Amino acid sequence: SGQTQVPKLRAAMKSLKLARLEPDLATDGVIIKAKREKREYEELYRKHINIIESPSADFDIYKLTRQIDEECVYINDFENPGNWGKRNENERSYCVSLISRIEDVLSAPELSCIFRIDGKRSILEEIEDFLSSSDKSVLRISLKYVSFAYNAREVLANALGRNMLSKARDGCFLEKPLLIFVDEAHNFLD
């Protein structure tokens, strides 16, 4: 199933990124493809290709399983080659286990601190505030209440590390250097 699942997952993430950038292209945040024209999608994809192809995951993850389902179409409509084809039930059946796994992860109580922040500020917003402040010199981030299940601590530490590395590569710390200390690193790094 990996030969079908991986391309559909990637296509779904790209479609959701495009849906966020071009909401008029989407229906309830999801891009419907079956029997629809490709031209507008392809033009807008090219317009935003740098953002869509970037490694950041700026899309609504709760729409991911619906978008994977929408990606399961034939590449062309035989009657109208400029359109995607009808739903491909074989591809859909190969993606059922992927869709189930994603839904399980999104609903897992152990990961609610990552996926369901319920009006709380994200940790990335807290980091941005800290970095832009001139009167704060220490930011302590505790993962004490983050579960070990689903490798949640490792995933979170990796995401934060990638965010900070990206900022460093963009030169954000040239004027105001930053030191990151990871206590008990064996709990976060494999």
N, C-alpha and C. Protein backbone atom coordinates (compact mmCIF):
# COMPACT_ATOMS: atom_id res chain seq x y z
N SER A 1 0.81 -1.21 0.00
CA SER A 1 0.00 0.00 0.00
C SER A 1 0.84 1.26 0.00
N GLY A 2 2.10 1.16 0.43
CA GLY A 2 2.96 2.34 0.49
C GLY A 2 3.13 3.02 -0.85
N GLN A 3 3.08 2.24 -1.93
CA GLN A 3 3.23 2.83 -3.26
C GLN A 3 2.05 3.74 -3.60
N THR A 4 0.92 3.51 -2.98
CA THR A 4 -0.25 4.37 -3.17
C THR A 4 -0.34 5.39 -2.05
N GLN A 5 -0.11 4.97 -0.81
CA GLN A 5 -0.32 5.83 0.34
C GLN A 5 0.60 7.04 0.37
N VAL A 6 1.89 6.83 0.14
CA VAL A 6 2.84 7.94 0.24
C VAL A 6 2.54 9.04 -0.79
N PRO A 7 2.35 8.69 -2.07
CA PRO A 7 2.01 9.76 -3.02
C PRO A 7 0.68 10.45 -2.71
N LYS A 8 -0.29 9.72 -2.22
CA LYS A 8 -1.58 10.34 -1.90
C LYS A 8 -1.45 11.25 -0.68
N LEU A 9 -0.68 10.83 0.31
CA LEU A 9 -0.45 11.67 1.49
C LEU A 9 0.24 12.97 1.08
N ARG A 10 1.29 12.87 0.27
CA ARG A 10 2.00 14.07 -0.17
C ARG A 10 1.09 14.98 -1.00
N ALA A 11 0.34 14.38 -1.92
CA ALA A 11 -0.58 15.17 -2.76
C ALA A 11 -1.62 15.86 -1.90
N ALA A 12 -2.12 15.16 -0.88
CA ALA A 12 -3.14 15.74 -0.01
C ALA A 12 -2.58 16.93 0.77
N MET A 13 -1.37 16.82 1.28
CA MET A 13 -0.77 17.94 2.02
C MET A 13 -0.57 19.13 1.10
N LYS A 14 -0.13 18.89 -0.12
CA LYS A 14 0.05 19.99 -1.07
C LYS A 14 -1.30 20.63 -1.42
N SER A 15 -2.31 19.81 -1.62
CA SER A 15 -3.64 20.34 -1.94
C SER A 15 -4.17 21.18 -0.77
N LEU A 16 -3.96 20.72 0.45
CA LEU A 16 -4.44 21.48 1.62
C LEU A 16 -3.67 22.79 1.79
N LYS A 17 -2.38 22.79 1.48
CA LYS A 17 -1.62 24.04 1.51
C LYS A 17 -2.19 25.02 0.49
N LEU A 18 -2.50 24.51 -0.70
CA LEU A 18 -3.08 25.35 -1.74
C LEU A 18 -4.47 25.83 -1.32
N ALA A 19 -5.25 24.96 -0.70
CA ALA A 19 -6.59 25.34 -0.22
C ALA A 19 -6.50 26.47 0.80
N ARG A 20 -5.48 26.46 1.63
CA ARG A 20 -5.31 27.54 2.61
C ARG A 20 -4.94 28.84 1.91
N LEU A 21 -4.10 28.75 0.87
CA LEU A 21 -3.66 29.94 0.15
C LEU A 21 -4.73 30.49 -0.79
N GLU A 22 -5.53 29.59 -1.34
CA GLU A 22 -6.57 29.96 -2.31
C GLU A 22 -7.90 29.33 -1.87
N PRO A 23 -8.54 29.88 -0.85
CA PRO A 23 -9.75 29.26 -0.30
C PRO A 23 -10.90 29.12 -1.29
N ASP A 24 -10.94 29.97 -2.32
CA ASP A 24 -12.03 29.86 -3.30
C ASP A 24 -11.92 28.60 -4.15
N LEU A 25 -10.75 28.00 -4.17
CA LEU A 25 -10.54 26.77 -4.93
C LEU A 25 -11.11 25.56 -4.19
N ALA A 26 -11.34 25.71 -2.91
CA ALA A 26 -11.73 24.59 -2.04
C ALA A 26 -13.20 24.65 -1.65
N THR A 27 -13.70 23.51 -1.24
CA THR A 27 -15.03 23.40 -0.67
C THR A 27 -14.85 22.96 0.78
N ASP A 28 -15.21 23.82 1.72
CA ASP A 28 -15.02 23.54 3.14
C ASP A 28 -13.56 23.18 3.45
N GLY A 29 -12.63 23.87 2.78
CA GLY A 29 -11.21 23.69 3.05
C GLY A 29 -10.56 22.51 2.35
N VAL A 30 -11.32 21.78 1.55
CA VAL A 30 -10.81 20.59 0.86
C VAL A 30 -10.99 20.79 -0.65
N ILE A 31 -9.98 20.39 -1.42
CA ILE A 31 -10.06 20.51 -2.87
C ILE A 31 -10.65 19.23 -3.44
N ILE A 32 -11.80 19.36 -4.07
CA ILE A 32 -12.49 18.23 -4.69
C ILE A 32 -11.88 18.04 -6.08
N LYS A 33 -11.50 16.81 -6.42
CA LYS A 33 -10.83 16.58 -7.69
C LYS A 33 -11.65 15.74 -8.68
N ALA A 34 -12.42 14.80 -8.23
CA ALA A 34 -13.11 13.88 -9.14
C ALA A 34 -13.91 14.63 -10.19
N LYS A 35 -13.57 14.36 -11.44
CA LYS A 35 -14.28 14.91 -12.61
C LYS A 35 -14.18 16.43 -12.71
N ARG A 36 -13.26 17.06 -11.98
CA ARG A 36 -13.10 18.51 -12.02
C ARG A 36 -11.95 18.90 -12.94
N GLU A 37 -12.00 20.14 -13.41
CA GLU A 37 -10.97 20.66 -14.29
C GLU A 37 -9.66 20.87 -13.52
N LYS A 38 -8.54 20.54 -14.17
CA LYS A 38 -7.22 20.65 -13.55
C LYS A 38 -6.58 22.03 -13.73
N ARG A 39 -6.94 22.76 -14.77
CA ARG A 39 -6.24 23.96 -15.18
C ARG A 39 -6.07 24.97 -14.05
N GLU A 40 -7.14 25.37 -13.38
CA GLU A 40 -7.04 26.38 -12.33
C GLU A 40 -6.15 25.88 -11.18
N TYR A 41 -6.32 24.63 -10.80
CA TYR A 41 -5.49 24.05 -9.74
C TYR A 41 -4.02 24.15 -10.13
N GLU A 42 -3.69 23.74 -11.34
CA GLU A 42 -2.29 23.73 -11.78
C GLU A 42 -1.71 25.14 -11.87
N GLU A 43 -2.51 26.11 -12.34
CA GLU A 43 -2.05 27.50 -12.41
C GLU A 43 -1.77 28.06 -11.02
N LEU A 44 -2.68 27.82 -10.10
CA LEU A 44 -2.49 28.33 -8.73
C LEU A 44 -1.37 27.58 -8.02
N TYR A 45 -1.21 26.31 -8.32
CA TYR A 45 -0.10 25.54 -7.75
C TYR A 45 1.23 26.16 -8.19
N ARG A 46 1.36 26.46 -9.48
CA ARG A 46 2.60 27.08 -9.98
C ARG A 46 2.82 28.45 -9.34
N LYS A 47 1.74 29.20 -9.15
CA LYS A 47 1.85 30.53 -8.53
C LYS A 47 2.43 30.44 -7.12
N HIS A 48 2.05 29.42 -6.38
CA HIS A 48 2.46 29.28 -4.98
C HIS A 48 3.45 28.14 -4.76
N ILE A 49 4.13 27.71 -5.79
CA ILE A 49 4.94 26.50 -5.71
C ILE A 49 5.98 26.55 -4.58
N ASN A 50 6.60 27.69 -4.34
CA ASN A 50 7.63 27.77 -3.29
C ASN A 50 7.05 27.51 -1.91
N ILE A 51 5.86 28.02 -1.66
CA ILE A 51 5.22 27.80 -0.36
C ILE A 51 4.73 26.36 -0.26
N ILE A 52 4.11 25.87 -1.32
CA ILE A 52 3.54 24.52 -1.30
C ILE A 52 4.62 23.46 -1.17
N GLU A 53 5.73 23.66 -1.82
CA GLU A 53 6.82 22.68 -1.80
C GLU A 53 7.74 22.83 -0.59
N SER A 54 7.53 23.86 0.22
CA SER A 54 8.37 24.05 1.41
C SER A 54 8.06 22.94 2.42
N PRO A 55 9.01 22.65 3.31
CA PRO A 55 8.78 21.58 4.28
C PRO A 55 7.81 21.95 5.40
N SER A 56 7.42 23.21 5.49
CA SER A 56 6.49 23.58 6.57
C SER A 56 5.12 22.96 6.29
N ALA A 57 4.39 22.74 7.35
CA ALA A 57 3.09 22.06 7.23
C ALA A 57 1.96 23.02 7.53
N ASP A 58 1.87 24.08 6.76
CA ASP A 58 0.84 25.08 7.01
C ASP A 58 -0.46 24.69 6.31
N PHE A 59 -1.17 23.77 6.95
CA PHE A 59 -2.48 23.35 6.44
C PHE A 59 -3.30 22.83 7.61
N ASP A 60 -4.58 22.67 7.38
CA ASP A 60 -5.48 22.18 8.43
C ASP A 60 -5.38 20.66 8.50
N ILE A 61 -4.69 20.17 9.50
CA ILE A 61 -4.45 18.74 9.61
C ILE A 61 -5.74 17.95 9.81
N TYR A 62 -6.77 18.60 10.32
CA TYR A 62 -8.04 17.90 10.53
C TYR A 62 -8.78 17.64 9.23
N LYS A 63 -8.32 18.23 8.16
CA LYS A 63 -8.91 17.98 6.84
C LYS A 63 -8.07 16.98 6.03
N LEU A 64 -6.99 16.52 6.60
CA LEU A 64 -6.06 15.65 5.87
C LEU A 64 -6.71 14.36 5.39
N THR A 65 -7.47 13.70 6.22
CA THR A 65 -8.05 12.42 5.80
C THR A 65 -9.09 12.63 4.69
N ARG A 66 -9.85 13.71 4.78
CA ARG A 66 -10.81 14.00 3.70
C ARG A 66 -10.09 14.30 2.40
N GLN A 67 -8.95 15.02 2.49
CA GLN A 67 -8.22 15.36 1.28
C GLN A 67 -7.55 14.13 0.67
N ILE A 68 -7.04 13.23 1.51
CA ILE A 68 -6.48 11.98 0.98
C ILE A 68 -7.55 11.25 0.18
N ASP A 69 -8.75 11.20 0.72
CA ASP A 69 -9.87 10.57 0.03
C ASP A 69 -10.12 11.24 -1.33
N GLU A 70 -10.04 12.57 -1.37
CA GLU A 70 -10.26 13.31 -2.62
C GLU A 70 -9.14 13.10 -3.63
N GLU A 71 -7.97 12.71 -3.16
CA GLU A 71 -6.85 12.47 -4.08
C GLU A 71 -6.98 11.13 -4.80
N CYS A 72 -7.85 10.28 -4.32
CA CYS A 72 -8.02 8.95 -4.91
C CYS A 72 -8.93 9.02 -6.13
N VAL A 73 -8.38 9.57 -7.21
CA VAL A 73 -9.10 9.70 -8.48
C VAL A 73 -8.17 9.23 -9.60
N TYR A 74 -8.77 8.90 -10.73
CA TYR A 74 -7.95 8.59 -11.91
C TYR A 74 -7.29 9.86 -12.40
N ILE A 75 -6.08 9.73 -12.92
CA ILE A 75 -5.29 10.90 -13.30
C ILE A 75 -5.95 11.73 -14.40
N ASN A 76 -6.72 11.09 -15.28
CA ASN A 76 -7.41 11.81 -16.35
C ASN A 76 -8.81 11.26 -16.54
N ASP A 77 -9.66 12.13 -17.04
CA ASP A 77 -11.00 11.74 -17.46
C ASP A 77 -10.90 11.39 -18.94
N PHE A 78 -11.28 10.19 -19.32
CA PHE A 78 -11.14 9.78 -20.72
C PHE A 78 -11.95 10.66 -21.66
N GLU A 79 -13.09 11.12 -21.22
CA GLU A 79 -13.94 11.97 -22.05
C GLU A 79 -13.43 13.40 -22.12
N ASN A 80 -12.75 13.85 -21.09
CA ASN A 80 -12.23 15.22 -21.04
C ASN A 80 -10.85 15.18 -20.38
N PRO A 81 -9.79 15.05 -21.18
CA PRO A 81 -8.43 14.89 -20.62
C PRO A 81 -7.95 16.06 -19.76
N GLY A 82 -8.61 17.20 -19.82
CA GLY A 82 -8.23 18.34 -18.99
C GLY A 82 -8.79 18.25 -17.58
N ASN A 83 -9.51 17.18 -17.30
CA ASN A 83 -10.11 16.97 -15.98
C ASN A 83 -9.48 15.76 -15.31
N TRP A 84 -9.58 15.73 -13.99
CA TRP A 84 -9.26 14.50 -13.29
C TRP A 84 -10.37 13.51 -13.60
N GLY A 85 -10.06 12.24 -13.42
CA GLY A 85 -11.06 11.21 -13.67
C GLY A 85 -11.99 11.01 -12.49
N LYS A 86 -12.76 9.96 -12.59
CA LYS A 86 -13.70 9.64 -11.51
C LYS A 86 -12.93 9.05 -10.33
N ARG A 87 -13.63 8.82 -9.23
CA ARG A 87 -13.02 8.23 -8.04
C ARG A 87 -12.40 6.89 -8.39
N ASN A 88 -11.24 6.63 -7.83
CA ASN A 88 -10.55 5.36 -8.04
C ASN A 88 -10.69 4.55 -6.75
N GLU A 89 -11.62 3.64 -6.75
CA GLU A 89 -11.92 2.87 -5.54
C GLU A 89 -10.77 1.95 -5.13
N ASN A 90 -9.96 1.50 -6.08
CA ASN A 90 -8.79 0.68 -5.72
C ASN A 90 -7.80 1.49 -4.89
N GLU A 91 -7.49 2.70 -5.37
CA GLU A 91 -6.58 3.56 -4.60
C GLU A 91 -7.18 3.89 -3.24
N ARG A 92 -8.45 4.15 -3.21
CA ARG A 92 -9.13 4.47 -1.95
C ARG A 92 -9.00 3.32 -0.96
N SER A 93 -9.18 2.08 -1.45
CA SER A 93 -9.07 0.93 -0.55
C SER A 93 -7.64 0.77 -0.02
N TYR A 94 -6.63 1.14 -0.84
CA TYR A 94 -5.25 1.08 -0.38
C TYR A 94 -4.96 2.14 0.69
N CYS A 95 -5.73 3.22 0.69
CA CYS A 95 -5.50 4.33 1.62
C CYS A 95 -6.32 4.24 2.91
N VAL A 96 -7.21 3.27 3.01
CA VAL A 96 -8.08 3.17 4.19
C VAL A 96 -7.26 3.03 5.47
N SER A 97 -6.23 2.20 5.45
CA SER A 97 -5.43 2.03 6.68
C SER A 97 -4.68 3.31 7.04
N LEU A 98 -4.19 4.04 6.04
CA LEU A 98 -3.52 5.32 6.29
C LEU A 98 -4.50 6.32 6.91
N ILE A 99 -5.69 6.40 6.34
CA ILE A 99 -6.71 7.31 6.86
C ILE A 99 -7.06 6.96 8.30
N SER A 100 -7.19 5.68 8.58
CA SER A 100 -7.51 5.24 9.95
C SER A 100 -6.40 5.59 10.93
N ARG A 101 -5.14 5.38 10.51
CA ARG A 101 -4.02 5.72 11.39
C ARG A 101 -3.97 7.21 11.69
N ILE A 102 -4.19 8.03 10.67
CA ILE A 102 -4.18 9.48 10.88
C ILE A 102 -5.30 9.88 11.83
N GLU A 103 -6.48 9.35 11.64
CA GLU A 103 -7.61 9.67 12.52
C GLU A 103 -7.33 9.23 13.95
N ASP A 104 -6.69 8.07 14.12
CA ASP A 104 -6.32 7.60 15.46
C ASP A 104 -5.34 8.56 16.14
N VAL A 105 -4.34 8.99 15.40
CA VAL A 105 -3.34 9.90 15.96
C VAL A 105 -3.98 11.23 16.33
N LEU A 106 -4.82 11.76 15.45
CA LEU A 106 -5.44 13.06 15.72
C LEU A 106 -6.39 13.03 16.91
N SER A 107 -6.95 11.87 17.19
CA SER A 107 -7.90 11.78 18.30
C SER A 107 -7.28 11.20 19.57
N ALA A 108 -6.00 10.84 19.53
CA ALA A 108 -5.34 10.25 20.70
C ALA A 108 -5.22 11.28 21.83
N PRO A 109 -5.71 10.95 23.02
CA PRO A 109 -5.61 11.88 24.15
C PRO A 109 -4.16 12.28 24.45
N GLU A 110 -3.23 11.35 24.20
CA GLU A 110 -1.82 11.63 24.50
C GLU A 110 -1.25 12.75 23.62
N LEU A 111 -1.89 13.00 22.48
CA LEU A 111 -1.40 14.01 21.56
C LEU A 111 -2.27 15.26 21.54
N SER A 112 -3.22 15.33 22.45
CA SER A 112 -4.12 16.49 22.45
C SER A 112 -3.37 17.80 22.69
N CYS A 113 -2.25 17.74 23.41
CA CYS A 113 -1.49 18.96 23.67
C CYS A 113 -0.83 19.48 22.40
N ILE A 114 -0.72 18.64 21.38
CA ILE A 114 -0.15 19.05 20.11
C ILE A 114 -1.24 19.47 19.13
N PHE A 115 -2.31 18.68 19.07
CA PHE A 115 -3.32 18.91 18.05
C PHE A 115 -4.54 19.68 18.51
N ARG A 116 -4.81 19.70 19.80
CA ARG A 116 -6.01 20.39 20.30
C ARG A 116 -5.61 21.36 21.40
N ILE A 117 -5.22 22.55 20.99
CA ILE A 117 -4.74 23.50 21.99
C ILE A 117 -5.86 24.37 22.56
N ASP A 118 -7.07 24.22 22.05
CA ASP A 118 -8.27 24.85 22.61
C ASP A 118 -8.08 26.29 23.05
N GLY A 119 -7.75 27.15 22.10
CA GLY A 119 -7.66 28.57 22.38
C GLY A 119 -6.37 29.02 23.05
N LYS A 120 -5.52 28.09 23.43
CA LYS A 120 -4.24 28.47 24.03
C LYS A 120 -3.30 28.92 22.92
N ARG A 121 -2.33 29.71 23.28
CA ARG A 121 -1.33 30.15 22.31
C ARG A 121 -0.42 28.98 21.97
N SER A 122 0.00 28.93 20.73
CA SER A 122 0.92 27.86 20.34
C SER A 122 2.31 28.15 20.89
N ILE A 123 3.09 27.13 21.00
CA ILE A 123 4.45 27.29 21.50
C ILE A 123 5.27 28.15 20.54
N LEU A 124 4.95 28.08 19.25
CA LEU A 124 5.66 28.89 18.27
C LEU A 124 5.38 30.38 18.49
N GLU A 125 4.16 30.70 18.88
CA GLU A 125 3.83 32.10 19.20
C GLU A 125 4.59 32.56 20.44
N GLU A 126 4.70 31.68 21.43
CA GLU A 126 5.45 32.01 22.64
C GLU A 126 6.93 32.24 22.31
N ILE A 127 7.48 31.41 21.45
CA ILE A 127 8.89 31.57 21.05
C ILE A 127 9.07 32.89 20.30
N GLU A 128 8.15 33.21 19.40
CA GLU A 128 8.24 34.48 18.65
C GLU A 128 8.22 35.67 19.61
N ASP A 129 7.33 35.64 20.60
CA ASP A 129 7.26 36.73 21.58
C ASP A 129 8.58 36.85 22.34
N PHE A 130 9.13 35.71 22.73
CA PHE A 130 10.39 35.71 23.46
C PHE A 130 11.51 36.31 22.59
N LEU A 131 11.59 35.87 21.36
CA LEU A 131 12.66 36.34 20.47
C LEU A 131 12.54 37.83 20.15
N SER A 132 11.34 38.34 20.09
CA SER A 132 11.15 39.75 19.75
C SER A 132 11.24 40.66 20.98
N SER A 133 11.26 40.09 22.17
CA SER A 133 11.32 40.88 23.40
C SER A 133 12.76 41.29 23.70
N SER A 134 12.92 42.50 24.14
CA SER A 134 14.26 42.97 24.52
C SER A 134 14.53 42.81 26.01
N ASP A 135 13.47 42.55 26.80
CA ASP A 135 13.66 42.47 28.24
C ASP A 135 13.62 41.04 28.79
N LYS A 136 13.48 40.05 27.91
CA LYS A 136 13.46 38.65 28.36
C LYS A 136 14.74 37.96 27.91
N SER A 137 15.36 37.23 28.84
CA SER A 137 16.62 36.57 28.49
C SER A 137 16.56 35.05 28.60
N VAL A 138 15.51 34.52 29.21
CA VAL A 138 15.40 33.06 29.35
C VAL A 138 13.97 32.64 29.03
N LEU A 139 13.86 31.61 28.21
CA LEU A 139 12.57 30.98 27.94
C LEU A 139 12.73 29.51 28.27
N ARG A 140 11.93 29.04 29.19
CA ARG A 140 11.98 27.63 29.60
C ARG A 140 10.75 26.94 29.03
N ILE A 141 11.01 25.88 28.28
CA ILE A 141 9.93 25.08 27.70
C ILE A 141 9.99 23.71 28.35
N SER A 142 8.94 23.34 29.02
CA SER A 142 8.88 22.04 29.68
C SER A 142 7.99 21.09 28.89
N LEU A 143 8.48 19.89 28.68
CA LEU A 143 7.69 18.85 28.03
C LEU A 143 7.22 17.82 29.06
N LYS A 144 7.19 18.25 30.31
CA LYS A 144 6.84 17.38 31.43
C LYS A 144 5.50 16.67 31.21
N TYR A 145 4.53 17.38 30.67
CA TYR A 145 3.20 16.80 30.53
C TYR A 145 2.94 16.23 29.14
N VAL A 146 3.96 16.21 28.30
CA VAL A 146 3.82 15.61 26.97
C VAL A 146 4.08 14.11 27.11
N SER A 147 3.19 13.33 26.58
CA SER A 147 3.26 11.88 26.70
C SER A 147 4.44 11.30 25.91
N PHE A 148 4.89 10.13 26.35
CA PHE A 148 5.89 9.38 25.60
C PHE A 148 5.22 8.58 24.47
N ALA A 149 3.90 8.39 24.56
CA ALA A 149 3.17 7.63 23.54
C ALA A 149 3.28 8.31 22.19
N TYR A 150 3.26 7.52 21.15
CA TYR A 150 3.34 8.00 19.77
C TYR A 150 4.62 8.79 19.52
N ASN A 151 5.63 8.65 20.36
CA ASN A 151 6.87 9.41 20.25
C ASN A 151 6.60 10.92 20.26
N ALA A 152 5.59 11.32 21.01
CA ALA A 152 5.16 12.72 21.02
C ALA A 152 6.29 13.68 21.42
N ARG A 153 7.07 13.30 22.41
CA ARG A 153 8.16 14.20 22.84
C ARG A 153 9.19 14.36 21.73
N GLU A 154 9.53 13.26 21.08
CA GLU A 154 10.51 13.33 20.00
C GLU A 154 9.99 14.17 18.83
N VAL A 155 8.72 13.97 18.49
CA VAL A 155 8.12 14.73 17.40
C VAL A 155 8.11 16.22 17.72
N LEU A 156 7.71 16.55 18.94
CA LEU A 156 7.66 17.95 19.35
C LEU A 156 9.05 18.58 19.39
N ALA A 157 10.01 17.87 19.97
CA ALA A 157 11.39 18.39 20.03
C ALA A 157 11.94 18.58 18.62
N ASN A 158 11.65 17.65 17.72
CA ASN A 158 12.11 17.77 16.34
C ASN A 158 11.49 18.98 15.65
N ALA A 159 10.19 19.17 15.84
CA ALA A 159 9.51 20.31 15.22
C ALA A 159 10.07 21.63 15.73
N LEU A 160 10.28 21.72 17.03
CA LEU A 160 10.85 22.95 17.60
C LEU A 160 12.27 23.17 17.10
N GLY A 161 13.04 22.09 17.05
CA GLY A 161 14.42 22.19 16.55
C GLY A 161 14.47 22.65 15.11
N ARG A 162 13.60 22.09 14.28
CA ARG A 162 13.56 22.51 12.87
C ARG A 162 13.17 23.97 12.74
N ASN A 163 12.23 24.40 13.56
CA ASN A 163 11.80 25.80 13.53
C ASN A 163 12.96 26.72 13.88
N MET A 164 13.69 26.37 14.92
CA MET A 164 14.81 27.21 15.34
C MET A 164 15.95 27.17 14.32
N LEU A 165 16.21 26.01 13.74
CA LEU A 165 17.25 25.89 12.72
C LEU A 165 16.90 26.75 11.50
N SER A 166 15.65 26.73 11.12
CA SER A 166 15.20 27.55 9.99
C SER A 166 15.42 29.03 10.27
N LYS A 167 15.09 29.44 11.50
CA LYS A 167 15.31 30.84 11.88
C LYS A 167 16.80 31.18 11.85
N ALA A 168 17.63 30.27 12.32
CA ALA A 168 19.07 30.50 12.33
C ALA A 168 19.59 30.64 10.90
N ARG A 169 19.12 29.78 10.02
CA ARG A 169 19.55 29.84 8.61
C ARG A 169 19.09 31.12 7.94
N ASP A 170 17.99 31.69 8.41
CA ASP A 170 17.50 32.96 7.88
C ASP A 170 18.22 34.16 8.50
N GLY A 171 19.15 33.90 9.42
CA GLY A 171 19.94 34.96 10.02
C GLY A 171 19.29 35.67 11.20
N CYS A 172 18.29 35.06 11.78
CA CYS A 172 17.56 35.71 12.88
C CYS A 172 18.41 35.92 14.13
N PHE A 173 19.49 35.19 14.28
CA PHE A 173 20.25 35.26 15.53
C PHE A 173 21.62 35.93 15.36
N LEU A 174 21.80 36.63 14.25
CA LEU A 174 23.09 37.29 14.01
C LEU A 174 23.32 38.43 15.01
N GLU A 175 22.27 39.21 15.26
CA GLU A 175 22.39 40.36 16.17
C GLU A 175 22.16 39.97 17.62
N LYS A 176 21.35 38.96 17.82
CA LYS A 176 21.00 38.53 19.18
C LYS A 176 21.17 36.99 19.24
N PRO A 177 22.41 36.53 19.51
CA PRO A 177 22.67 35.08 19.53
C PRO A 177 21.77 34.35 20.54
N LEU A 178 21.58 33.08 20.28
CA LEU A 178 20.68 32.27 21.09
C LEU A 178 21.39 30.97 21.48
N LEU A 179 21.22 30.57 22.71
CA LEU A 179 21.74 29.30 23.20
C LEU A 179 20.55 28.43 23.58
N ILE A 180 20.52 27.22 23.04
CA ILE A 180 19.45 26.28 23.39
C ILE A 180 20.08 25.16 24.19
N PHE A 181 19.53 24.92 25.36
CA PHE A 181 20.01 23.85 26.24
C PHE A 181 18.88 22.83 26.37
N VAL A 182 19.21 21.57 26.10
CA VAL A 182 18.20 20.50 26.20
C VAL A 182 18.58 19.59 27.35
N ASP A 183 17.86 19.72 28.45
CA ASP A 183 18.09 18.88 29.62
C ASP A 183 17.42 17.53 29.39
N GLU A 184 18.05 16.47 29.84
CA GLU A 184 17.51 15.12 29.66
C GLU A 184 17.28 14.80 28.17
N ALA A 185 18.25 15.16 27.34
CA ALA A 185 18.11 15.04 25.89
C ALA A 185 17.82 13.61 25.45
N HIS A 186 18.24 12.61 26.23
CA HIS A 186 17.97 11.23 25.86
C HIS A 186 16.48 10.92 25.81
N ASN A 187 15.65 11.76 26.46
CA ASN A 187 14.20 11.58 26.40
C ASN A 187 13.60 12.11 25.09
N PHE A 188 14.37 12.90 24.36
CA PHE A 188 13.85 13.54 23.16
C PHE A 188 14.54 13.10 21.89
N LEU A 189 15.77 12.68 22.02
CA LEU A 189 16.56 12.35 20.83
C LEU A 189 16.86 10.85 20.82
N ASP A 190 16.61 10.24 19.69
CA ASP A 190 16.87 8.80 19.57
C ASP A 190 18.33 8.59 19.22
